[in-house]
Amino acid sequence: MTFQQDFSIGAFVTLVAIVLIRARIMSHKGIRTIVFGATDKSDFLLVPAVLVIVYAVLARNFDLPFWQPLIKSLWISMTPGWFGVVFCAFALLGVILTLRSFGDSFRVGIDEQQPDKLVTTGLFAYSRNPIYVCFLFFVYGLLLIYGNIAIAVALVAFAAVIHRQILREEVFLKTHYGTEYERYCQQVRRYF
């Protein structure tokens, strides 16, 4: 394994740990953060894309069964991989900053039972969906590191499912926060 591949595995574990630790901290405050699928079971469309990405990375690094043409690197140069390391590192930093901005409003999924205040500060002053942007940058970084068809296809599927989730969340936010959210939408872009 190259440094880039080692880094990607460590970065992925770190990303998952950051989100789970944040969820655990909030559960001690009595806030349920993992509400994924509670409002709509179609939230789980995200799961297959994530599993393909994870398995493609693991298969490439640990010689797990996978059809080789799908996980074979499309480029020989290591240069794209170094850009991938940078993308993953910035994505991790962005997730940390976004979680800080979220405060007690962080949820995984749409929380119709206990929604918190509308967050418009920190990275939310530049993007209405900074955590999703960070997740997409992270997977794009993985694509640059591994450069294979499996991650490229999964990235497209992941982006489509995230976009769908964002549209669903926007309907909820518009209904819940009304004109406050509409003004926010006029001032800040959906992505970046």
C-alpha atoms as a PDB file:
ATOM      1  CA  MET A   1       0.000   0.000   0.000  1.00  0.00           C
ATOM      2  CA  THR A   2       1.122   3.516  -0.722  1.00  0.00           C
ATOM      3  CA  PHE A   3       1.081   6.383   1.767  1.00  0.00           C
ATOM      4  CA  GLN A   4      -1.910   7.776  -0.109  1.00  0.00           C
ATOM      5  CA  GLN A   5      -3.870   4.557   0.355  1.00  0.00           C
ATOM      6  CA  ASP A   6      -2.849   4.288   4.025  1.00  0.00           C
ATOM      7  CA  PHE A   7      -3.934   7.893   4.491  1.00  0.00           C
ATOM      8  CA  SER A   8      -7.297   7.260   2.844  1.00  0.00           C
ATOM      9  CA  ILE A   9      -8.091   4.393   5.205  1.00  0.00           C
ATOM     10  CA  GLY A  10      -7.042   6.414   8.236  1.00  0.00           C
ATOM     11  CA  ALA A  11      -9.017   9.406   6.983  1.00  0.00           C
ATOM     12  CA  PHE A  12     -12.134   7.304   6.437  1.00  0.00           C
ATOM     13  CA  VAL A  13     -11.914   5.813   9.931  1.00  0.00           C
ATOM     14  CA  THR A  14     -11.386   9.327  11.306  1.00  0.00           C
ATOM     15  CA  LEU A  15     -14.422  10.650   9.416  1.00  0.00           C
ATOM     16  CA  VAL A  16     -16.687   7.925  10.786  1.00  0.00           C
ATOM     17  CA  ALA A  17     -15.239   8.361  14.294  1.00  0.00           C
ATOM     18  CA  ILE A  18     -15.820  12.134  14.234  1.00  0.00           C
ATOM     19  CA  VAL A  19     -19.491  11.717  13.356  1.00  0.00           C
ATOM     20  CA  LEU A  20     -20.049   8.883  15.855  1.00  0.00           C
ATOM     21  CA  ILE A  21     -18.264  10.710  18.673  1.00  0.00           C
ATOM     22  CA  ARG A  22     -20.353  13.814  17.989  1.00  0.00           C
ATOM     23  CA  ALA A  23     -23.529  11.713  18.035  1.00  0.00           C
ATOM     24  CA  ARG A  24     -22.457  10.137  21.335  1.00  0.00           C
ATOM     25  CA  ILE A  25     -21.721  13.518  22.925  1.00  0.00           C
ATOM     26  CA  MET A  26     -25.132  14.798  21.865  1.00  0.00           C
ATOM     27  CA  SER A  27     -26.880  11.659  23.152  1.00  0.00           C
ATOM     28  CA  HIS A  28     -25.462  12.486  26.595  1.00  0.00           C
ATOM     29  CA  LYS A  29     -27.340  15.803  26.265  1.00  0.00           C
ATOM     30  CA  GLY A  30     -30.521  13.882  25.495  1.00  0.00           C
ATOM     31  CA  ILE A  31     -30.460  14.749  21.778  1.00  0.00           C
ATOM     32  CA  ARG A  32     -31.077  11.939  19.308  1.00  0.00           C
ATOM     33  CA  THR A  33     -28.835  12.689  16.331  1.00  0.00           C
ATOM     34  CA  ILE A  34     -29.143   9.537  14.244  1.00  0.00           C
ATOM     35  CA  VAL A  35     -32.628   9.886  12.742  1.00  0.00           C
ATOM     36  CA  PHE A  36     -31.612   8.564   9.341  1.00  0.00           C
ATOM     37  CA  GLY A  37     -34.549   6.749   7.770  1.00  0.00           C
ATOM     38  CA  ALA A  38     -37.015   7.759  10.496  1.00  0.00           C
ATOM     39  CA  THR A  39     -38.936  10.131   8.208  1.00  0.00           C
ATOM     40  CA  ASP A  40     -38.505   8.261   4.945  1.00  0.00           C
ATOM     41  CA  LYS A  41     -37.074   4.780   4.423  1.00  0.00           C
ATOM     42  CA  SER A  42     -35.729   5.885   1.032  1.00  0.00           C
ATOM     43  CA  ASP A  43     -32.931   7.612   2.992  1.00  0.00           C
ATOM     44  CA  PHE A  44     -31.312   4.200   2.824  1.00  0.00           C
ATOM     45  CA  LEU A  45     -30.610   4.715  -0.904  1.00  0.00           C
ATOM     46  CA  LEU A  46     -27.368   6.260   0.320  1.00  0.00           C
ATOM     47  CA  VAL A  47     -26.201   3.001   1.877  1.00  0.00           C
ATOM     48  CA  PRO A  48     -25.400   1.038  -1.334  1.00  0.00           C
ATOM     49  CA  ALA A  49     -23.279   3.896  -2.739  1.00  0.00           C
ATOM     50  CA  VAL A  50     -21.333   4.172   0.522  1.00  0.00           C
ATOM     51  CA  LEU A  51     -20.864   0.403   0.710  1.00  0.00           C
ATOM     52  CA  VAL A  52     -19.517   0.269  -2.859  1.00  0.00           C
ATOM     53  CA  ILE A  53     -17.041   3.048  -2.050  1.00  0.00           C
ATOM     54  CA  VAL A  54     -15.895   1.371   1.169  1.00  0.00           C
ATOM     55  CA  TYR A  55     -15.641  -2.070  -0.402  1.00  0.00           C
ATOM     56  CA  ALA A  56     -13.802  -0.737  -3.470  1.00  0.00           C
ATOM     57  CA  VAL A  57     -11.216   0.892  -1.193  1.00  0.00           C
ATOM     58  CA  LEU A  58     -10.868  -2.212   0.974  1.00  0.00           C
ATOM     59  CA  ALA A  59     -10.746  -4.555  -2.034  1.00  0.00           C
ATOM     60  CA  ARG A  60      -7.977  -2.494  -3.624  1.00  0.00           C
ATOM     61  CA  ASN A  61      -5.929  -2.362  -0.419  1.00  0.00           C
ATOM     62  CA  PHE A  62      -6.477  -5.863   0.935  1.00  0.00           C
ATOM     63  CA  ASP A  63      -6.972  -7.950  -2.219  1.00  0.00           C
ATOM     64  CA  LEU A  64     -10.602  -8.722  -1.477  1.00  0.00           C
ATOM     65  CA  PRO A  65     -12.748 -10.233  -4.246  1.00  0.00           C
ATOM     66  CA  PHE A  66     -13.865  -7.584  -6.738  1.00  0.00           C
ATOM     67  CA  TRP A  67     -13.960  -7.614 -10.490  1.00  0.00           C
ATOM     68  CA  GLN A  68     -10.479  -6.274 -11.233  1.00  0.00           C
ATOM     69  CA  PRO A  69     -11.354  -4.006 -14.186  1.00  0.00           C
ATOM     70  CA  LEU A  70     -13.561  -1.991 -11.811  1.00  0.00           C
ATOM     71  CA  ILE A  71     -10.875  -1.385  -9.186  1.00  0.00           C
ATOM     72  CA  LYS A  72      -7.813  -1.162 -11.406  1.00  0.00           C
ATOM     73  CA  SER A  73      -6.332   2.342 -11.336  1.00  0.00           C
ATOM     74  CA  LEU A  74      -7.008   4.376 -14.454  1.00  0.00           C
ATOM     75  CA  TRP A  75      -3.747   6.299 -14.129  1.00  0.00           C
ATOM     76  CA  ILE A  76      -0.138   5.423 -13.450  1.00  0.00           C
ATOM     77  CA  SER A  77       1.015   8.730 -11.971  1.00  0.00           C
ATOM     78  CA  MET A  78       0.796   9.227  -8.221  1.00  0.00           C
ATOM     79  CA  THR A  79       0.149  12.956  -8.674  1.00  0.00           C
ATOM     80  CA  PRO A  80      -3.672  12.680  -8.691  1.00  0.00           C
ATOM     81  CA  GLY A  81      -3.406  10.689  -5.464  1.00  0.00           C
ATOM     82  CA  TRP A  82      -1.585  13.529  -3.733  1.00  0.00           C
ATOM     83  CA  PHE A  83      -4.384  15.877  -4.748  1.00  0.00           C
ATOM     84  CA  GLY A  84      -6.753  13.255  -3.350  1.00  0.00           C
ATOM     85  CA  VAL A  85      -4.938  13.334  -0.003  1.00  0.00           C
ATOM     86  CA  VAL A  86      -5.374  17.127   0.059  1.00  0.00           C
ATOM     87  CA  PHE A  87      -9.098  16.825  -0.806  1.00  0.00           C
ATOM     88  CA  CYS A  88      -9.628  14.226   1.943  1.00  0.00           C
ATOM     89  CA  ALA A  89      -7.710  16.305   4.509  1.00  0.00           C
ATOM     90  CA  PHE A  90      -9.666  19.468   3.685  1.00  0.00           C
ATOM     91  CA  ALA A  91     -12.899  17.468   3.801  1.00  0.00           C
ATOM     92  CA  LEU A  92     -12.061  16.195   7.296  1.00  0.00           C
ATOM     93  CA  LEU A  93     -11.271  19.722   8.458  1.00  0.00           C
ATOM     94  CA  GLY A  94     -14.515  20.919   6.877  1.00  0.00           C
ATOM     95  CA  VAL A  95     -16.534  18.230   8.678  1.00  0.00           C
ATOM     96  CA  ILE A  96     -14.998  19.252  12.008  1.00  0.00           C
ATOM     97  CA  LEU A  97     -15.735  22.937  11.366  1.00  0.00           C
ATOM     98  CA  THR A  98     -19.264  22.129  10.188  1.00  0.00           C
ATOM     99  CA  LEU A  99     -20.009  20.044  13.275  1.00  0.00           C
ATOM    100  CA  ARG A 100     -18.764  22.924  15.393  1.00  0.00           C
ATOM    101  CA  SER A 101     -21.074  25.316  13.534  1.00  0.00           C
ATOM    102  CA  PHE A 102     -24.005  22.931  13.932  1.00  0.00           C
ATOM    103  CA  GLY A 103     -23.937  23.142  17.710  1.00  0.00           C
ATOM    104  CA  ASP A 104     -26.864  21.103  19.024  1.00  0.00           C
ATOM    105  CA  SER A 105     -28.626  21.187  15.628  1.00  0.00           C
ATOM    106  CA  PHE A 106     -26.593  18.324  14.125  1.00  0.00           C
ATOM    107  CA  ARG A 107     -28.732  15.427  12.889  1.00  0.00           C
ATOM    108  CA  VAL A 108     -28.145  12.540  10.522  1.00  0.00           C
ATOM    109  CA  GLY A 109     -31.443  12.627   8.652  1.00  0.00           C
ATOM    110  CA  ILE A 110     -34.514  14.839   8.972  1.00  0.00           C
ATOM    111  CA  ASP A 111     -35.636  15.268  12.565  1.00  0.00           C
ATOM    112  CA  GLU A 112     -39.300  16.223  12.518  1.00  0.00           C
ATOM    113  CA  GLN A 113     -39.690  15.475  16.239  1.00  0.00           C
ATOM    114  CA  GLN A 114     -36.964  17.692  17.736  1.00  0.00           C
ATOM    115  CA  PRO A 115     -35.678  20.156  15.145  1.00  0.00           C
ATOM    116  CA  ASP A 116     -33.313  22.759  16.531  1.00  0.00           C
ATOM    117  CA  LYS A 117     -32.546  26.300  15.416  1.00  0.00           C
ATOM    118  CA  LEU A 118     -31.601  27.184  11.846  1.00  0.00           C
ATOM    119  CA  VAL A 119     -27.806  27.370  11.580  1.00  0.00           C
ATOM    120  CA  THR A 120     -26.474  30.138   9.322  1.00  0.00           C
ATOM    121  CA  THR A 121     -23.038  30.842  10.789  1.00  0.00           C
ATOM    122  CA  GLY A 122     -19.597  29.301  10.362  1.00  0.00           C
ATOM    123  CA  LEU A 123     -19.341  27.302   7.145  1.00  0.00           C
ATOM    124  CA  PHE A 124     -23.126  27.661   6.789  1.00  0.00           C
ATOM    125  CA  ALA A 125     -22.498  31.304   5.877  1.00  0.00           C
ATOM    126  CA  TYR A 126     -20.852  30.019   2.650  1.00  0.00           C
ATOM    127  CA  SER A 127     -22.845  26.883   1.885  1.00  0.00           C
ATOM    128  CA  ARG A 128     -26.277  25.724   3.015  1.00  0.00           C
ATOM    129  CA  ASN A 129     -24.963  22.146   3.014  1.00  0.00           C
ATOM    130  CA  PRO A 130     -21.302  22.208   4.040  1.00  0.00           C
ATOM    131  CA  ILE A 131     -21.244  18.723   5.539  1.00  0.00           C
ATOM    132  CA  TYR A 132     -22.577  17.208   2.310  1.00  0.00           C
ATOM    133  CA  VAL A 133     -20.049  19.227   0.317  1.00  0.00           C
ATOM    134  CA  CYS A 134     -17.310  17.882   2.593  1.00  0.00           C
ATOM    135  CA  PHE A 135     -18.532  14.297   2.123  1.00  0.00           C
ATOM    136  CA  LEU A 136     -18.484  14.773  -1.656  1.00  0.00           C
ATOM    137  CA  PHE A 137     -14.982  16.273  -1.531  1.00  0.00           C
ATOM    138  CA  PHE A 138     -13.874  13.321   0.572  1.00  0.00           C
ATOM    139  CA  VAL A 139     -15.170  10.762  -1.925  1.00  0.00           C
ATOM    140  CA  TYR A 140     -13.712  12.787  -4.790  1.00  0.00           C
ATOM    141  CA  GLY A 141     -10.391  12.616  -2.927  1.00  0.00           C
ATOM    142  CA  LEU A 142     -10.763   8.831  -2.763  1.00  0.00           C
ATOM    143  CA  LEU A 143     -11.407   8.798  -6.496  1.00  0.00           C
ATOM    144  CA  LEU A 144      -8.170  10.717  -7.075  1.00  0.00           C
ATOM    145  CA  ILE A 145      -6.239   8.374  -4.787  1.00  0.00           C
ATOM    146  CA  TYR A 146      -7.588   5.139  -6.273  1.00  0.00           C
ATOM    147  CA  GLY A 147      -8.606   6.307  -9.742  1.00  0.00           C
ATOM    148  CA  ASN A 148     -10.928   3.437 -10.467  1.00  0.00           C
ATOM    149  CA  ILE A 149     -14.271   2.963 -12.174  1.00  0.00           C
ATOM    150  CA  ALA A 150     -16.016   1.545  -9.081  1.00  0.00           C
ATOM    151  CA  ILE A 151     -15.376   4.672  -7.008  1.00  0.00           C
ATOM    152  CA  ALA A 152     -16.182   6.941  -9.985  1.00  0.00           C
ATOM    153  CA  VAL A 153     -19.591   5.295 -10.461  1.00  0.00           C
ATOM    154  CA  ALA A 154     -20.246   5.257  -6.707  1.00  0.00           C
ATOM    155  CA  LEU A 155     -19.309   8.965  -6.501  1.00  0.00           C
ATOM    156  CA  VAL A 156     -21.920   9.806  -9.149  1.00  0.00           C
ATOM    157  CA  ALA A 157     -24.550   7.712  -7.330  1.00  0.00           C
ATOM    158  CA  PHE A 158     -23.520   9.224  -3.980  1.00  0.00           C
ATOM    159  CA  ALA A 159     -23.803  12.760  -5.398  1.00  0.00           C
ATOM    160  CA  ALA A 160     -27.252  12.024  -6.840  1.00  0.00           C
ATOM    161  CA  VAL A 161     -28.545  10.568  -3.574  1.00  0.00           C
ATOM    162  CA  ILE A 162     -27.085  13.457  -1.565  1.00  0.00           C
ATOM    163  CA  HIS A 163     -28.689  15.968  -3.929  1.00  0.00           C
ATOM    164  CA  ARG A 164     -32.018  14.179  -3.462  1.00  0.00           C
ATOM    165  CA  GLN A 165     -31.581  14.292   0.324  1.00  0.00           C
ATOM    166  CA  ILE A 166     -30.779  18.004   0.199  1.00  0.00           C
ATOM    167  CA  LEU A 167     -33.937  18.712  -1.801  1.00  0.00           C
ATOM    168  CA  ARG A 168     -35.997  16.789   0.768  1.00  0.00           C
ATOM    169  CA  GLU A 169     -34.345  18.667   3.631  1.00  0.00           C
ATOM    170  CA  GLU A 170     -35.015  21.988   1.907  1.00  0.00           C
ATOM    171  CA  VAL A 171     -38.747  21.231   1.805  1.00  0.00           C
ATOM    172  CA  PHE A 172     -38.679  20.472   5.538  1.00  0.00           C
ATOM    173  CA  LEU A 173     -36.603  23.573   6.354  1.00  0.00           C
ATOM    174  CA  LYS A 174     -38.849  25.831   4.286  1.00  0.00           C
ATOM    175  CA  THR A 175     -41.923  24.445   6.029  1.00  0.00           C
ATOM    176  CA  HIS A 176     -40.378  24.601   9.493  1.00  0.00           C
ATOM    177  CA  TYR A 177     -38.488  27.931   9.352  1.00  0.00           C
ATOM    178  CA  GLY A 178     -40.534  29.776   6.699  1.00  0.00           C
ATOM    179  CA  THR A 179     -39.306  33.214   5.637  1.00  0.00           C
ATOM    180  CA  GLU A 180     -36.163  32.949   7.779  1.00  0.00           C
ATOM    181  CA  TYR A 181     -35.048  29.997   5.655  1.00  0.00           C
ATOM    182  CA  GLU A 182     -36.143  31.648   2.400  1.00  0.00           C
ATOM    183  CA  ARG A 183     -34.017  34.730   3.200  1.00  0.00           C
ATOM    184  CA  TYR A 184     -31.103  32.451   4.022  1.00  0.00           C
ATOM    185  CA  CYS A 185     -31.530  30.668   0.657  1.00  0.00           C
ATOM    186  CA  GLN A 186     -31.365  34.016  -1.140  1.00  0.00           C
ATOM    187  CA  GLN A 187     -28.075  34.872   0.580  1.00  0.00           C
ATOM    188  CA  VAL A 188     -26.232  31.526   0.567  1.00  0.00           C
ATOM    189  CA  ARG A 189     -25.820  28.975  -2.219  1.00  0.00           C
ATOM    190  CA  ARG A 190     -26.989  25.400  -1.922  1.00  0.00           C
ATOM    191  CA  TYR A 191     -23.486  23.957  -2.355  1.00  0.00           C
ATOM    192  CA  PHE A 192     -20.670  26.528  -2.657  1.00  0.00           C
END
